[in-house]
Amino acid sequence: WIPNPQQTGVLEIEVTQEMVDTWLAVLDETGLVLQGKKLIPFWRGTPGTQGVNLRRVFTEPREIDPFLWFQGTAAAPYLEKGTITDFATPEMWGRINNTFGRRNFFTMAFWFN
């Protein structure tokens, strides 16, 4: 359920069409990341050329060692060349911040879901 811009909710928080459109873009991008169609950027290597396939992290689990993930060897089995998620771009975060405000995004995400 996503609030409609024409509705007046119990919380009396104004919902604009821009908020609905941005939220749908966030959901679409999240879906692509979870499906492995877009990759999460990884700090090692040439930026924008490879990333972590989050779907494979869940479907091909291994022991999780945060130090090895940070160092890079634990992420190596999940690294792929492909399209990096738009969440890694300043444009996407700018859109989210401009639409929801820096402090309101997670509040709105909780409410919308």
C-alpha atoms as a PDB file:
ATOM      1  CA  TRP A   1       0.000   0.000   0.000  1.00  0.00           C
ATOM      2  CA  ILE A   2       1.301   3.403  -0.972  1.00  0.00           C
ATOM      3  CA  PRO A   3      -0.579   6.513   0.150  1.00  0.00           C
ATOM      4  CA  ASN A   4      -2.348   8.409  -2.606  1.00  0.00           C
ATOM      5  CA  PRO A   5      -1.534  12.118  -3.040  1.00  0.00           C
ATOM      6  CA  GLN A   6      -5.274  12.878  -3.012  1.00  0.00           C
ATOM      7  CA  GLN A   7      -5.872  11.148   0.344  1.00  0.00           C
ATOM      8  CA  THR A   8      -5.847  12.725   3.761  1.00  0.00           C
ATOM      9  CA  GLY A   9      -4.355  10.172   6.110  1.00  0.00           C
ATOM     10  CA  VAL A  10      -4.708   9.799   9.847  1.00  0.00           C
ATOM     11  CA  LEU A  11      -1.157  11.075  10.308  1.00  0.00           C
ATOM     12  CA  GLU A  12      -1.959  14.164   8.210  1.00  0.00           C
ATOM     13  CA  ILE A  13       1.368  13.918   6.411  1.00  0.00           C
ATOM     14  CA  GLU A  14       1.212  15.352   2.928  1.00  0.00           C
ATOM     15  CA  VAL A  15       2.084  12.848   0.223  1.00  0.00           C
ATOM     16  CA  THR A  16       2.994  14.252  -3.170  1.00  0.00           C
ATOM     17  CA  GLN A  17       3.093  12.520  -6.531  1.00  0.00           C
ATOM     18  CA  GLU A  18       6.868  13.049  -6.503  1.00  0.00           C
ATOM     19  CA  MET A  19       7.074  11.052  -3.255  1.00  0.00           C
ATOM     20  CA  VAL A  20       5.069   8.204  -4.778  1.00  0.00           C
ATOM     21  CA  ASP A  21       7.191   8.209  -7.954  1.00  0.00           C
ATOM     22  CA  THR A  22      10.458   8.285  -6.005  1.00  0.00           C
ATOM     23  CA  TRP A  23       9.304   5.521  -3.664  1.00  0.00           C
ATOM     24  CA  LEU A  24       8.335   3.335  -6.632  1.00  0.00           C
ATOM     25  CA  ALA A  25      11.789   3.980  -8.153  1.00  0.00           C
ATOM     26  CA  VAL A  26      13.405   2.912  -4.850  1.00  0.00           C
ATOM     27  CA  LEU A  27      11.317  -0.279  -4.802  1.00  0.00           C
ATOM     28  CA  ASP A  28      12.166  -1.049  -8.440  1.00  0.00           C
ATOM     29  CA  GLU A  29      15.889  -0.527  -7.846  1.00  0.00           C
ATOM     30  CA  THR A  30      15.788  -2.636  -4.678  1.00  0.00           C
ATOM     31  CA  GLY A  31      14.080  -5.420  -6.617  1.00  0.00           C
ATOM     32  CA  LEU A  32      16.769  -5.360  -9.298  1.00  0.00           C
ATOM     33  CA  VAL A  33      19.498  -5.596  -6.643  1.00  0.00           C
ATOM     34  CA  LEU A  34      17.765  -8.470  -4.834  1.00  0.00           C
ATOM     35  CA  GLN A  35      17.273 -10.310  -8.144  1.00  0.00           C
ATOM     36  CA  GLY A  36      20.965  -9.951  -8.974  1.00  0.00           C
ATOM     37  CA  LYS A  37      20.221  -7.866 -12.070  1.00  0.00           C
ATOM     38  CA  LYS A  38      22.131  -4.926 -10.611  1.00  0.00           C
ATOM     39  CA  LEU A  39      25.231  -5.140  -8.461  1.00  0.00           C
ATOM     40  CA  ILE A  40      26.304  -3.472  -5.238  1.00  0.00           C
ATOM     41  CA  PRO A  41      29.570  -1.586  -5.776  1.00  0.00           C
ATOM     42  CA  PHE A  42      32.679  -3.035  -4.220  1.00  0.00           C
ATOM     43  CA  TRP A  43      35.523  -0.766  -3.228  1.00  0.00           C
ATOM     44  CA  ARG A  44      38.310  -2.901  -4.655  1.00  0.00           C
ATOM     45  CA  GLY A  45      39.146  -2.803  -8.329  1.00  0.00           C
ATOM     46  CA  THR A  46      38.214  -0.226 -10.923  1.00  0.00           C
ATOM     47  CA  PRO A  47      35.128   1.705  -9.793  1.00  0.00           C
ATOM     48  CA  GLY A  48      31.956   0.926 -11.712  1.00  0.00           C
ATOM     49  CA  THR A  49      33.240  -2.231 -13.381  1.00  0.00           C
ATOM     50  CA  GLN A  50      32.326  -4.929 -10.889  1.00  0.00           C
ATOM     51  CA  GLY A  51      30.119  -5.409  -7.891  1.00  0.00           C
ATOM     52  CA  VAL A  52      28.632  -7.877  -5.447  1.00  0.00           C
ATOM     53  CA  ASN A  53      25.665  -9.916  -6.633  1.00  0.00           C
ATOM     54  CA  LEU A  54      23.436  -9.770  -3.536  1.00  0.00           C
ATOM     55  CA  ARG A  55      21.165 -12.532  -4.827  1.00  0.00           C
ATOM     56  CA  ARG A  56      24.103 -14.933  -4.878  1.00  0.00           C
ATOM     57  CA  VAL A  57      25.091 -13.869  -1.349  1.00  0.00           C
ATOM     58  CA  PHE A  58      21.711 -15.201  -0.188  1.00  0.00           C
ATOM     59  CA  THR A  59      21.383 -18.204  -2.510  1.00  0.00           C
ATOM     60  CA  GLU A  60      25.002 -19.403  -2.200  1.00  0.00           C
ATOM     61  CA  PRO A  61      25.752 -18.644   1.461  1.00  0.00           C
ATOM     62  CA  ARG A  62      29.172 -19.038   2.991  1.00  0.00           C
ATOM     63  CA  GLU A  63      30.558 -18.274   6.414  1.00  0.00           C
ATOM     64  CA  ILE A  64      30.376 -14.541   7.102  1.00  0.00           C
ATOM     65  CA  ASP A  65      33.566 -12.955   8.351  1.00  0.00           C
ATOM     66  CA  PRO A  66      33.285  -9.144   8.404  1.00  0.00           C
ATOM     67  CA  PHE A  67      37.055  -8.712   8.319  1.00  0.00           C
ATOM     68  CA  LEU A  68      37.409 -10.856   5.203  1.00  0.00           C
ATOM     69  CA  TRP A  69      34.491  -9.005   3.576  1.00  0.00           C
ATOM     70  CA  PHE A  70      36.188  -5.692   4.265  1.00  0.00           C
ATOM     71  CA  GLN A  71      39.527  -7.042   3.077  1.00  0.00           C
ATOM     72  CA  GLY A  72      37.843  -8.454  -0.006  1.00  0.00           C
ATOM     73  CA  THR A  73      38.492 -12.176  -0.113  1.00  0.00           C
ATOM     74  CA  ALA A  74      35.071 -13.142   1.300  1.00  0.00           C
ATOM     75  CA  ALA A  75      33.330 -11.060  -1.372  1.00  0.00           C
ATOM     76  CA  ALA A  76      35.381 -12.514  -4.233  1.00  0.00           C
ATOM     77  CA  PRO A  77      32.993 -15.419  -4.999  1.00  0.00           C
ATOM     78  CA  TYR A  78      30.129 -12.959  -5.449  1.00  0.00           C
ATOM     79  CA  LEU A  79      31.929 -10.356  -7.560  1.00  0.00           C
ATOM     80  CA  GLU A  80      30.696  -9.975 -11.108  1.00  0.00           C
ATOM     81  CA  LYS A  81      31.025  -7.575 -13.975  1.00  0.00           C
ATOM     82  CA  GLY A  82      27.734  -5.867 -14.705  1.00  0.00           C
ATOM     83  CA  THR A  83      25.533  -2.884 -14.080  1.00  0.00           C
ATOM     84  CA  ILE A  84      26.038  -1.189 -10.723  1.00  0.00           C
ATOM     85  CA  THR A  85      22.917  -0.142  -8.826  1.00  0.00           C
ATOM     86  CA  ASP A  86      21.667   3.415  -9.110  1.00  0.00           C
ATOM     87  CA  PHE A  87      21.858   3.531  -5.306  1.00  0.00           C
ATOM     88  CA  ALA A  88      25.587   4.101  -5.846  1.00  0.00           C
ATOM     89  CA  THR A  89      24.972   7.343  -7.727  1.00  0.00           C
ATOM     90  CA  PRO A  90      24.744  10.814  -6.238  1.00  0.00           C
ATOM     91  CA  GLU A  91      21.749  11.445  -8.502  1.00  0.00           C
ATOM     92  CA  MET A  92      19.636   8.736  -6.843  1.00  0.00           C
ATOM     93  CA  TRP A  93      20.533   9.878  -3.321  1.00  0.00           C
ATOM     94  CA  GLY A  94      19.932  13.477  -4.350  1.00  0.00           C
ATOM     95  CA  ARG A  95      16.494  12.536  -5.623  1.00  0.00           C
ATOM     96  CA  ILE A  96      15.686  10.678  -2.396  1.00  0.00           C
ATOM     97  CA  ASN A  97      16.966  13.519  -0.200  1.00  0.00           C
ATOM     98  CA  ASN A  98      15.206  16.208  -2.231  1.00  0.00           C
ATOM     99  CA  THR A  99      11.936  14.301  -2.191  1.00  0.00           C
ATOM    100  CA  PHE A 100      11.813  13.037   1.389  1.00  0.00           C
ATOM    101  CA  GLY A 101      14.385  15.142   3.188  1.00  0.00           C
ATOM    102  CA  ARG A 102      17.457  13.719   4.862  1.00  0.00           C
ATOM    103  CA  ARG A 103      15.673  12.750   8.052  1.00  0.00           C
ATOM    104  CA  ASN A 104      12.324  11.673   6.674  1.00  0.00           C
ATOM    105  CA  PHE A 105      13.223   8.932   4.193  1.00  0.00           C
ATOM    106  CA  PHE A 106      13.278   6.060   6.676  1.00  0.00           C
ATOM    107  CA  THR A 107      10.175   7.350   8.461  1.00  0.00           C
ATOM    108  CA  MET A 108       8.331   7.474   5.149  1.00  0.00           C
ATOM    109  CA  ALA A 109       9.695   4.066   4.141  1.00  0.00           C
ATOM    110  CA  PHE A 110       8.380   2.594   7.385  1.00  0.00           C
ATOM    111  CA  TRP A 111       4.996   4.244   6.861  1.00  0.00           C
ATOM    112  CA  PHE A 112       4.706   3.291   3.177  1.00  0.00           C
ATOM    113  CA  ASN A 113       5.473  -0.332   3.999  1.00  0.00           C
END
